Amino acid sequence: MQRTITSGLLLLFGWGASGGGATAQAPASASMEAVPVQGLLFGPMLPGIPEQIAVGDAARRAEILLTGSGVLDVSIQLPRAMTAPGGATIPLRFGPHDAAVLYSASSAPVPVNPLELIRVRLDPAAGPTRLLLGGTALPAANQQAGTYTTTLVLLVVNTGT
């Protein structure tokens, strides 16, 4: 009998001193928009076997599209676990190599540490900037079958510079 564990990571956004929603306006005409493209998609997992998603895995990594101009300070509030409706949990692990910034479609991703504040300079002439996130799910050997979810909160402060 095979047990199925499915999972997902939902993206929510918070804005430093500038309101809420998917678009934030900053002071002094500097503006930006953050749009969740996809959450971290672990998909079906086997009990007892860690599931890692690399930043380079375009089909499963989390991706946030950032547009506008100016300098952003981005803080990711990383969840500690995913939870099923019945209360069962799967721990999550994020390390210093689990994020990157992609400044344009033709550039290489720039590794950043999701455990620290990330400074991003938006250049409207270069097109949208993408924040990429990977991570690892750690299901227990006796993990309950079910659908597990969690929320990722992205706090963005547009410094207006």
N, C-alpha and C. Protein backbone atom coordinates (compact mmCIF):
# COMPACT_ATOMS: atom_id res chain seq x y z
N MET A 1 0.85 -1.19 0.00
CA MET A 1 0.00 0.00 0.00
C MET A 1 0.89 1.24 0.00
N GLN A 2 0.74 2.07 -1.01
CA GLN A 2 1.55 3.27 -1.11
C GLN A 2 0.80 4.45 -0.51
N ARG A 3 1.49 5.20 0.32
CA ARG A 3 0.90 6.40 0.90
C ARG A 3 1.35 7.60 0.07
N THR A 4 0.45 8.50 -0.21
CA THR A 4 0.77 9.67 -1.01
C THR A 4 0.80 10.90 -0.12
N ILE A 5 1.89 11.60 -0.23
CA ILE A 5 2.06 12.87 0.48
C ILE A 5 2.21 13.92 -0.60
N THR A 6 1.33 14.90 -0.64
CA THR A 6 1.47 15.99 -1.59
C THR A 6 1.63 17.29 -0.82
N SER A 7 2.23 18.25 -1.46
CA SER A 7 2.53 19.47 -0.74
C SER A 7 2.58 20.66 -1.66
N GLY A 8 2.58 21.81 -1.06
CA GLY A 8 2.74 23.06 -1.78
C GLY A 8 3.08 24.17 -0.82
N LEU A 9 3.61 25.24 -1.36
CA LEU A 9 3.96 26.39 -0.55
C LEU A 9 3.32 27.61 -1.19
N LEU A 10 2.42 28.25 -0.48
CA LEU A 10 1.70 29.41 -0.95
C LEU A 10 2.52 30.65 -0.66
N LEU A 11 2.46 31.63 -1.54
CA LEU A 11 3.20 32.87 -1.35
C LEU A 11 2.25 33.98 -0.90
N LEU A 12 2.59 34.63 0.19
CA LEU A 12 1.88 35.83 0.64
C LEU A 12 2.91 36.95 0.74
N PHE A 13 2.46 38.17 0.64
CA PHE A 13 3.38 39.28 0.68
C PHE A 13 3.01 40.27 1.76
N GLY A 14 4.01 40.87 2.37
CA GLY A 14 3.82 41.95 3.32
C GLY A 14 4.66 43.12 2.85
N TRP A 15 4.24 44.30 3.16
CA TRP A 15 4.96 45.47 2.67
C TRP A 15 5.35 46.35 3.85
N GLY A 16 6.61 46.73 3.88
CA GLY A 16 7.10 47.60 4.94
C GLY A 16 6.59 49.01 4.77
N ALA A 17 5.72 49.44 5.64
CA ALA A 17 5.21 50.81 5.71
C ALA A 17 4.59 51.30 4.42
N SER A 18 4.05 50.41 3.60
CA SER A 18 3.47 50.91 2.35
C SER A 18 2.17 50.24 1.97
N GLY A 19 1.52 49.57 2.88
CA GLY A 19 0.22 48.98 2.56
C GLY A 19 0.33 47.50 2.26
N GLY A 20 -0.72 46.94 1.65
CA GLY A 20 -0.72 45.51 1.37
C GLY A 20 -1.22 45.23 -0.03
N GLY A 21 -1.22 43.98 -0.39
CA GLY A 21 -1.68 43.58 -1.70
C GLY A 21 -0.53 43.15 -2.59
N ALA A 22 -0.83 42.92 -3.84
CA ALA A 22 0.18 42.44 -4.77
C ALA A 22 1.00 43.57 -5.37
N THR A 23 0.59 44.79 -5.19
CA THR A 23 1.35 45.93 -5.71
C THR A 23 1.59 46.89 -4.56
N ALA A 24 2.79 47.41 -4.48
CA ALA A 24 3.09 48.37 -3.43
C ALA A 24 3.66 49.63 -4.03
N GLN A 25 3.24 50.75 -3.53
CA GLN A 25 3.80 52.04 -3.96
C GLN A 25 4.71 52.55 -2.85
N ALA A 26 5.86 53.03 -3.24
CA ALA A 26 6.83 53.54 -2.27
C ALA A 26 6.88 55.06 -2.38
N PRO A 27 7.56 55.70 -1.42
CA PRO A 27 7.65 57.15 -1.46
C PRO A 27 8.45 57.65 -2.65
N ALA A 28 8.32 58.95 -2.94
CA ALA A 28 9.13 59.67 -3.91
C ALA A 28 9.08 59.05 -5.31
N SER A 29 7.92 58.67 -5.76
CA SER A 29 7.64 58.16 -7.11
C SER A 29 8.34 56.85 -7.46
N ALA A 30 9.13 56.29 -6.57
CA ALA A 30 9.70 54.96 -6.84
C ALA A 30 8.60 53.94 -6.61
N SER A 31 8.37 53.06 -7.56
CA SER A 31 7.31 52.08 -7.40
C SER A 31 7.82 50.70 -7.75
N MET A 32 7.10 49.71 -7.27
CA MET A 32 7.45 48.32 -7.57
C MET A 32 6.21 47.48 -7.49
N GLU A 33 6.31 46.30 -8.10
CA GLU A 33 5.25 45.32 -8.03
C GLU A 33 5.89 43.96 -7.81
N ALA A 34 5.31 43.16 -6.95
CA ALA A 34 5.78 41.79 -6.69
C ALA A 34 4.62 40.85 -7.00
N VAL A 35 4.88 39.89 -7.88
CA VAL A 35 3.83 38.97 -8.30
C VAL A 35 4.33 37.54 -8.09
N PRO A 36 3.62 36.73 -7.30
CA PRO A 36 4.03 35.34 -7.16
C PRO A 36 3.75 34.58 -8.45
N VAL A 37 4.79 33.98 -9.03
CA VAL A 37 4.65 33.21 -10.25
C VAL A 37 4.30 31.77 -9.91
N GLN A 38 5.00 31.21 -8.93
CA GLN A 38 4.66 29.87 -8.44
C GLN A 38 5.24 29.67 -7.05
N GLY A 39 4.59 28.80 -6.29
CA GLY A 39 5.08 28.43 -4.97
C GLY A 39 6.09 27.30 -5.09
N LEU A 40 6.68 26.93 -4.00
CA LEU A 40 7.62 25.81 -3.94
C LEU A 40 6.80 24.53 -4.04
N LEU A 41 7.04 23.73 -5.07
CA LEU A 41 6.18 22.59 -5.38
C LEU A 41 6.92 21.27 -5.12
N PHE A 42 6.77 20.72 -3.94
CA PHE A 42 7.41 19.44 -3.63
C PHE A 42 6.70 18.29 -4.32
N GLY A 43 5.40 18.40 -4.53
CA GLY A 43 4.65 17.34 -5.19
C GLY A 43 4.59 16.09 -4.33
N PRO A 44 4.32 14.92 -4.94
CA PRO A 44 4.26 13.67 -4.17
C PRO A 44 5.62 13.35 -3.54
N MET A 45 5.58 12.93 -2.27
CA MET A 45 6.81 12.56 -1.55
C MET A 45 6.63 11.19 -0.93
N LEU A 46 7.75 10.52 -0.70
CA LEU A 46 7.73 9.23 -0.03
C LEU A 46 8.10 9.41 1.44
N PRO A 47 7.41 8.72 2.34
CA PRO A 47 7.75 8.83 3.76
C PRO A 47 9.22 8.48 4.00
N GLY A 48 9.85 9.29 4.85
CA GLY A 48 11.23 9.02 5.26
C GLY A 48 12.30 9.46 4.28
N ILE A 49 11.92 9.98 3.12
CA ILE A 49 12.91 10.37 2.11
C ILE A 49 12.84 11.88 1.91
N PRO A 50 13.92 12.61 2.27
CA PRO A 50 13.94 14.06 2.07
C PRO A 50 13.76 14.41 0.59
N GLU A 51 13.07 15.48 0.34
CA GLU A 51 12.83 15.96 -1.02
C GLU A 51 13.41 17.36 -1.14
N GLN A 52 14.45 17.50 -1.97
CA GLN A 52 15.12 18.78 -2.13
C GLN A 52 14.76 19.39 -3.48
N ILE A 53 14.50 20.69 -3.45
CA ILE A 53 14.28 21.44 -4.68
C ILE A 53 15.41 22.46 -4.80
N ALA A 54 16.15 22.35 -5.88
CA ALA A 54 17.26 23.28 -6.14
C ALA A 54 16.72 24.58 -6.74
N VAL A 55 17.45 25.64 -6.55
CA VAL A 55 17.08 26.94 -7.11
C VAL A 55 17.00 26.85 -8.64
N GLY A 56 17.79 25.99 -9.24
CA GLY A 56 17.80 25.84 -10.69
C GLY A 56 16.66 25.01 -11.25
N ASP A 57 15.82 24.44 -10.41
CA ASP A 57 14.71 23.59 -10.85
C ASP A 57 13.50 24.48 -11.18
N ALA A 58 13.43 24.94 -12.43
CA ALA A 58 12.41 25.91 -12.83
C ALA A 58 10.99 25.38 -12.67
N ALA A 59 10.79 24.08 -12.75
CA ALA A 59 9.44 23.52 -12.65
C ALA A 59 8.93 23.47 -11.22
N ARG A 60 9.82 23.47 -10.21
CA ARG A 60 9.38 23.26 -8.83
C ARG A 60 9.79 24.35 -7.86
N ARG A 61 10.75 25.19 -8.19
CA ARG A 61 11.19 26.24 -7.27
C ARG A 61 10.10 27.30 -7.13
N ALA A 62 10.15 28.05 -6.05
CA ALA A 62 9.27 29.20 -5.89
C ALA A 62 9.87 30.35 -6.71
N GLU A 63 9.00 31.16 -7.26
CA GLU A 63 9.47 32.27 -8.09
C GLU A 63 8.57 33.47 -7.88
N ILE A 64 9.19 34.62 -7.63
CA ILE A 64 8.47 35.87 -7.45
C ILE A 64 9.01 36.86 -8.46
N LEU A 65 8.13 37.48 -9.21
CA LEU A 65 8.49 38.45 -10.24
C LEU A 65 8.46 39.84 -9.61
N LEU A 66 9.56 40.57 -9.71
CA LEU A 66 9.66 41.92 -9.18
C LEU A 66 9.85 42.89 -10.34
N THR A 67 9.02 43.92 -10.40
CA THR A 67 9.16 44.94 -11.44
C THR A 67 9.13 46.31 -10.80
N GLY A 68 9.62 47.29 -11.53
CA GLY A 68 9.64 48.66 -11.05
C GLY A 68 11.03 49.23 -11.12
N SER A 69 11.30 50.17 -10.24
CA SER A 69 12.63 50.79 -10.20
C SER A 69 12.99 51.07 -8.75
N GLY A 70 14.27 51.19 -8.53
CA GLY A 70 14.75 51.49 -7.19
C GLY A 70 15.37 50.29 -6.51
N VAL A 71 15.72 50.49 -5.26
CA VAL A 71 16.37 49.45 -4.47
C VAL A 71 15.37 48.89 -3.46
N LEU A 72 15.28 47.55 -3.42
CA LEU A 72 14.39 46.87 -2.49
C LEU A 72 15.21 46.12 -1.45
N ASP A 73 14.75 46.13 -0.23
CA ASP A 73 15.26 45.24 0.80
C ASP A 73 14.18 44.19 1.01
N VAL A 74 14.54 42.92 0.72
CA VAL A 74 13.59 41.82 0.77
C VAL A 74 13.96 40.88 1.91
N SER A 75 12.99 40.56 2.73
CA SER A 75 13.17 39.60 3.81
C SER A 75 12.14 38.50 3.61
N ILE A 76 12.60 37.25 3.62
CA ILE A 76 11.71 36.11 3.44
C ILE A 76 11.48 35.47 4.80
N GLN A 77 10.23 35.40 5.23
CA GLN A 77 9.90 34.71 6.47
C GLN A 77 9.65 33.25 6.09
N LEU A 78 10.67 32.44 6.26
CA LEU A 78 10.63 31.04 5.83
C LEU A 78 9.88 30.18 6.85
N PRO A 79 8.94 29.38 6.37
CA PRO A 79 8.19 28.52 7.29
C PRO A 79 9.05 27.37 7.80
N ARG A 80 8.75 26.89 8.99
CA ARG A 80 9.50 25.77 9.58
C ARG A 80 8.94 24.42 9.16
N ALA A 81 7.65 24.41 8.74
CA ALA A 81 7.01 23.14 8.41
C ALA A 81 5.80 23.38 7.52
N MET A 82 5.38 22.31 6.86
CA MET A 82 4.10 22.28 6.16
C MET A 82 3.14 21.51 7.05
N THR A 83 1.85 21.83 6.96
CA THR A 83 0.86 21.22 7.84
C THR A 83 -0.29 20.65 7.01
N ALA A 84 -0.79 19.49 7.43
CA ALA A 84 -1.98 18.89 6.83
C ALA A 84 -3.20 19.34 7.62
N PRO A 85 -4.40 19.25 7.05
CA PRO A 85 -5.60 19.66 7.78
C PRO A 85 -5.77 18.98 9.14
N GLY A 86 -5.33 17.74 9.31
CA GLY A 86 -5.45 17.05 10.58
C GLY A 86 -4.38 17.42 11.60
N GLY A 87 -3.44 18.28 11.23
CA GLY A 87 -2.41 18.73 12.16
C GLY A 87 -1.05 18.08 11.98
N ALA A 88 -0.93 17.06 11.14
CA ALA A 88 0.38 16.45 10.88
C ALA A 88 1.28 17.47 10.19
N THR A 89 2.59 17.38 10.44
CA THR A 89 3.52 18.34 9.86
C THR A 89 4.69 17.64 9.15
N ILE A 90 5.27 18.35 8.21
CA ILE A 90 6.52 17.94 7.56
C ILE A 90 7.49 19.09 7.75
N PRO A 91 8.59 18.88 8.46
CA PRO A 91 9.57 19.95 8.65
C PRO A 91 10.18 20.39 7.31
N LEU A 92 10.53 21.67 7.25
CA LEU A 92 11.21 22.23 6.09
C LEU A 92 12.57 22.75 6.51
N ARG A 93 13.52 22.70 5.59
CA ARG A 93 14.87 23.23 5.86
C ARG A 93 15.27 24.13 4.69
N PHE A 94 15.75 25.31 5.04
CA PHE A 94 16.27 26.25 4.05
C PHE A 94 17.69 26.60 4.46
N GLY A 95 18.60 26.59 3.50
CA GLY A 95 19.99 26.90 3.78
C GLY A 95 20.44 28.14 3.03
N PRO A 96 21.69 28.54 3.25
CA PRO A 96 22.21 29.77 2.67
C PRO A 96 22.34 29.73 1.14
N HIS A 97 22.19 28.57 0.52
CA HIS A 97 22.32 28.46 -0.93
C HIS A 97 20.99 28.17 -1.61
N ASP A 98 19.88 28.41 -0.91
CA ASP A 98 18.56 28.06 -1.41
C ASP A 98 17.82 29.22 -2.08
N ALA A 99 18.51 30.28 -2.47
CA ALA A 99 17.84 31.38 -3.16
C ALA A 99 18.79 32.02 -4.16
N ALA A 100 18.19 32.70 -5.13
CA ALA A 100 18.97 33.43 -6.13
C ALA A 100 18.11 34.55 -6.69
N VAL A 101 18.77 35.53 -7.28
CA VAL A 101 18.09 36.61 -7.97
C VAL A 101 18.49 36.52 -9.43
N LEU A 102 17.50 36.56 -10.31
CA LEU A 102 17.72 36.53 -11.74
C LEU A 102 17.33 37.92 -12.27
N TYR A 103 18.34 38.71 -12.64
CA TYR A 103 18.11 40.11 -13.01
C TYR A 103 17.55 40.28 -14.41
N SER A 104 17.79 39.33 -15.30
CA SER A 104 17.20 39.37 -16.64
C SER A 104 17.21 37.96 -17.19
N ALA A 105 16.43 37.75 -18.27
CA ALA A 105 16.33 36.42 -18.85
C ALA A 105 17.67 35.94 -19.41
N SER A 106 18.54 36.86 -19.76
CA SER A 106 19.83 36.48 -20.36
C SER A 106 20.97 36.42 -19.35
N SER A 107 20.70 36.74 -18.09
CA SER A 107 21.78 36.73 -17.09
C SER A 107 21.76 35.43 -16.29
N ALA A 108 22.88 35.16 -15.64
CA ALA A 108 22.97 34.00 -14.75
C ALA A 108 22.36 34.38 -13.40
N PRO A 109 21.72 33.42 -12.70
CA PRO A 109 21.20 33.71 -11.36
C PRO A 109 22.34 34.10 -10.41
N VAL A 110 22.07 35.09 -9.57
CA VAL A 110 23.03 35.53 -8.56
C VAL A 110 22.61 34.89 -7.23
N PRO A 111 23.44 33.99 -6.68
CA PRO A 111 23.07 33.35 -5.41
C PRO A 111 22.93 34.38 -4.28
N VAL A 112 21.89 34.20 -3.46
CA VAL A 112 21.68 35.01 -2.27
C VAL A 112 21.26 34.09 -1.14
N ASN A 113 21.42 34.55 0.07
CA ASN A 113 21.08 33.77 1.25
C ASN A 113 19.66 34.12 1.70
N PRO A 114 18.70 33.18 1.61
CA PRO A 114 17.33 33.51 2.02
C PRO A 114 17.17 33.69 3.52
N LEU A 115 18.20 33.37 4.28
CA LEU A 115 18.16 33.52 5.73
C LEU A 115 18.55 34.94 6.16
N GLU A 116 18.97 35.76 5.19
CA GLU A 116 19.40 37.13 5.46
C GLU A 116 18.60 38.10 4.61
N LEU A 117 18.70 39.40 4.93
CA LEU A 117 18.08 40.44 4.13
C LEU A 117 18.70 40.42 2.74
N ILE A 118 17.88 40.51 1.71
CA ILE A 118 18.34 40.47 0.33
C ILE A 118 18.11 41.85 -0.29
N ARG A 119 19.15 42.47 -0.78
CA ARG A 119 19.04 43.78 -1.44
C ARG A 119 18.96 43.55 -2.94
N VAL A 120 17.92 44.09 -3.56
CA VAL A 120 17.67 43.92 -4.99
C VAL A 120 17.55 45.30 -5.63
N ARG A 121 18.29 45.53 -6.71
CA ARG A 121 18.18 46.79 -7.45
C ARG A 121 17.37 46.52 -8.72
N LEU A 122 16.20 47.15 -8.80
CA LEU A 122 15.34 46.98 -9.97
C LEU A 122 15.72 47.98 -11.05
N ASP A 123 15.90 47.46 -12.27
CA ASP A 123 16.24 48.29 -13.41
C ASP A 123 15.19 48.07 -14.48
N PRO A 124 14.26 49.04 -14.67
CA PRO A 124 13.19 48.83 -15.62
C PRO A 124 13.69 48.56 -17.04
N ALA A 125 14.85 49.07 -17.40
CA ALA A 125 15.39 48.86 -18.75
C ALA A 125 15.80 47.40 -18.96
N ALA A 126 16.13 46.69 -17.89
CA ALA A 126 16.56 45.29 -17.99
C ALA A 126 15.38 44.33 -17.95
N GLY A 127 14.19 44.83 -17.66
CA GLY A 127 13.02 43.96 -17.57
C GLY A 127 12.82 43.47 -16.15
N PRO A 128 11.88 42.53 -15.97
CA PRO A 128 11.57 42.05 -14.62
C PRO A 128 12.73 41.30 -13.97
N THR A 129 12.79 41.40 -12.67
CA THR A 129 13.75 40.65 -11.86
C THR A 129 12.98 39.52 -11.18
N ARG A 130 13.61 38.36 -11.06
CA ARG A 130 12.95 37.21 -10.45
C ARG A 130 13.72 36.79 -9.19
N LEU A 131 12.98 36.59 -8.11
CA LEU A 131 13.53 36.03 -6.88
C LEU A 131 13.18 34.55 -6.88
N LEU A 132 14.19 33.68 -6.77
CA LEU A 132 14.02 32.24 -6.85
C LEU A 132 14.30 31.61 -5.50
N LEU A 133 13.54 30.59 -5.12
CA LEU A 133 13.71 29.94 -3.82
C LEU A 133 13.55 28.44 -3.95
N GLY A 134 14.51 27.72 -3.41
CA GLY A 134 14.43 26.27 -3.28
C GLY A 134 14.36 25.91 -1.81
N GLY A 135 14.46 24.64 -1.48
CA GLY A 135 14.42 24.20 -0.08
C GLY A 135 14.25 22.70 0.00
N THR A 136 14.19 22.18 1.22
CA THR A 136 14.11 20.74 1.44
C THR A 136 12.97 20.42 2.41
N ALA A 137 12.16 19.42 2.03
CA ALA A 137 11.12 18.88 2.91
C ALA A 137 11.65 17.59 3.53
N LEU A 138 11.36 17.37 4.81
CA LEU A 138 11.90 16.25 5.56
C LEU A 138 10.78 15.38 6.14
N PRO A 139 10.08 14.60 5.29
CA PRO A 139 9.00 13.75 5.82
C PRO A 139 9.56 12.64 6.71
N ALA A 140 8.84 12.33 7.76
CA ALA A 140 9.24 11.26 8.68
C ALA A 140 8.97 9.90 8.03
N ALA A 141 9.62 8.87 8.56
CA ALA A 141 9.43 7.51 8.04
C ALA A 141 7.98 7.05 8.21
N ASN A 142 7.29 7.56 9.22
CA ASN A 142 5.89 7.20 9.46
C ASN A 142 4.95 8.36 9.09
N GLN A 143 5.35 9.17 8.12
CA GLN A 143 4.58 10.36 7.74
C GLN A 143 3.18 9.98 7.28
N GLN A 144 2.18 10.68 7.79
CA GLN A 144 0.80 10.46 7.39
C GLN A 144 0.60 10.91 5.95
N ALA A 145 -0.22 10.16 5.21
CA ALA A 145 -0.60 10.58 3.87
C ALA A 145 -1.47 11.82 3.97
N GLY A 146 -1.46 12.63 2.96
CA GLY A 146 -2.31 13.81 2.96
C GLY A 146 -1.72 14.93 2.14
N THR A 147 -2.42 16.02 2.14
CA THR A 147 -1.97 17.22 1.44
C THR A 147 -1.46 18.21 2.47
N TYR A 148 -0.23 18.64 2.30
CA TYR A 148 0.45 19.53 3.24
C TYR A 148 0.69 20.88 2.56
N THR A 149 0.45 21.94 3.29
CA THR A 149 0.69 23.28 2.76
C THR A 149 1.31 24.16 3.84
N THR A 150 1.83 25.27 3.40
CA THR A 150 2.32 26.29 4.32
C THR A 150 2.33 27.61 3.59
N THR A 151 2.70 28.66 4.28
CA THR A 151 2.70 30.00 3.70
C THR A 151 4.09 30.60 3.82
N LEU A 152 4.52 31.21 2.74
CA LEU A 152 5.78 31.95 2.70
C LEU A 152 5.42 33.43 2.69
N VAL A 153 6.02 34.19 3.58
CA VAL A 153 5.74 35.62 3.64
C VAL A 153 6.98 36.37 3.17
N LEU A 154 6.76 37.26 2.24
CA LEU A 154 7.83 38.08 1.68
C LEU A 154 7.60 39.51 2.13
N LEU A 155 8.53 40.07 2.88
CA LEU A 155 8.44 41.45 3.32
C LEU A 155 9.35 42.28 2.42
N VAL A 156 8.78 43.32 1.80
CA VAL A 156 9.52 44.13 0.85
C VAL A 156 9.48 45.58 1.29
N VAL A 157 10.65 46.20 1.37
CA VAL A 157 10.74 47.62 1.66
C VAL A 157 11.43 48.27 0.48
N ASN A 158 10.74 49.19 -0.18
CA ASN A 158 11.33 49.94 -1.27
C ASN A 158 11.98 51.17 -0.64
N THR A 159 13.30 51.21 -0.71
CA THR A 159 14.05 52.28 -0.04
C THR A 159 13.89 53.62 -0.75
N GLY A 160 13.31 53.60 -1.98
CA GLY A 160 13.09 54.84 -2.69
C GLY A 160 14.34 55.41 -3.34
N THR A 161 15.41 54.63 -3.38
CA THR A 161 16.64 55.12 -4.00
C THR A 161 16.90 54.45 -5.32
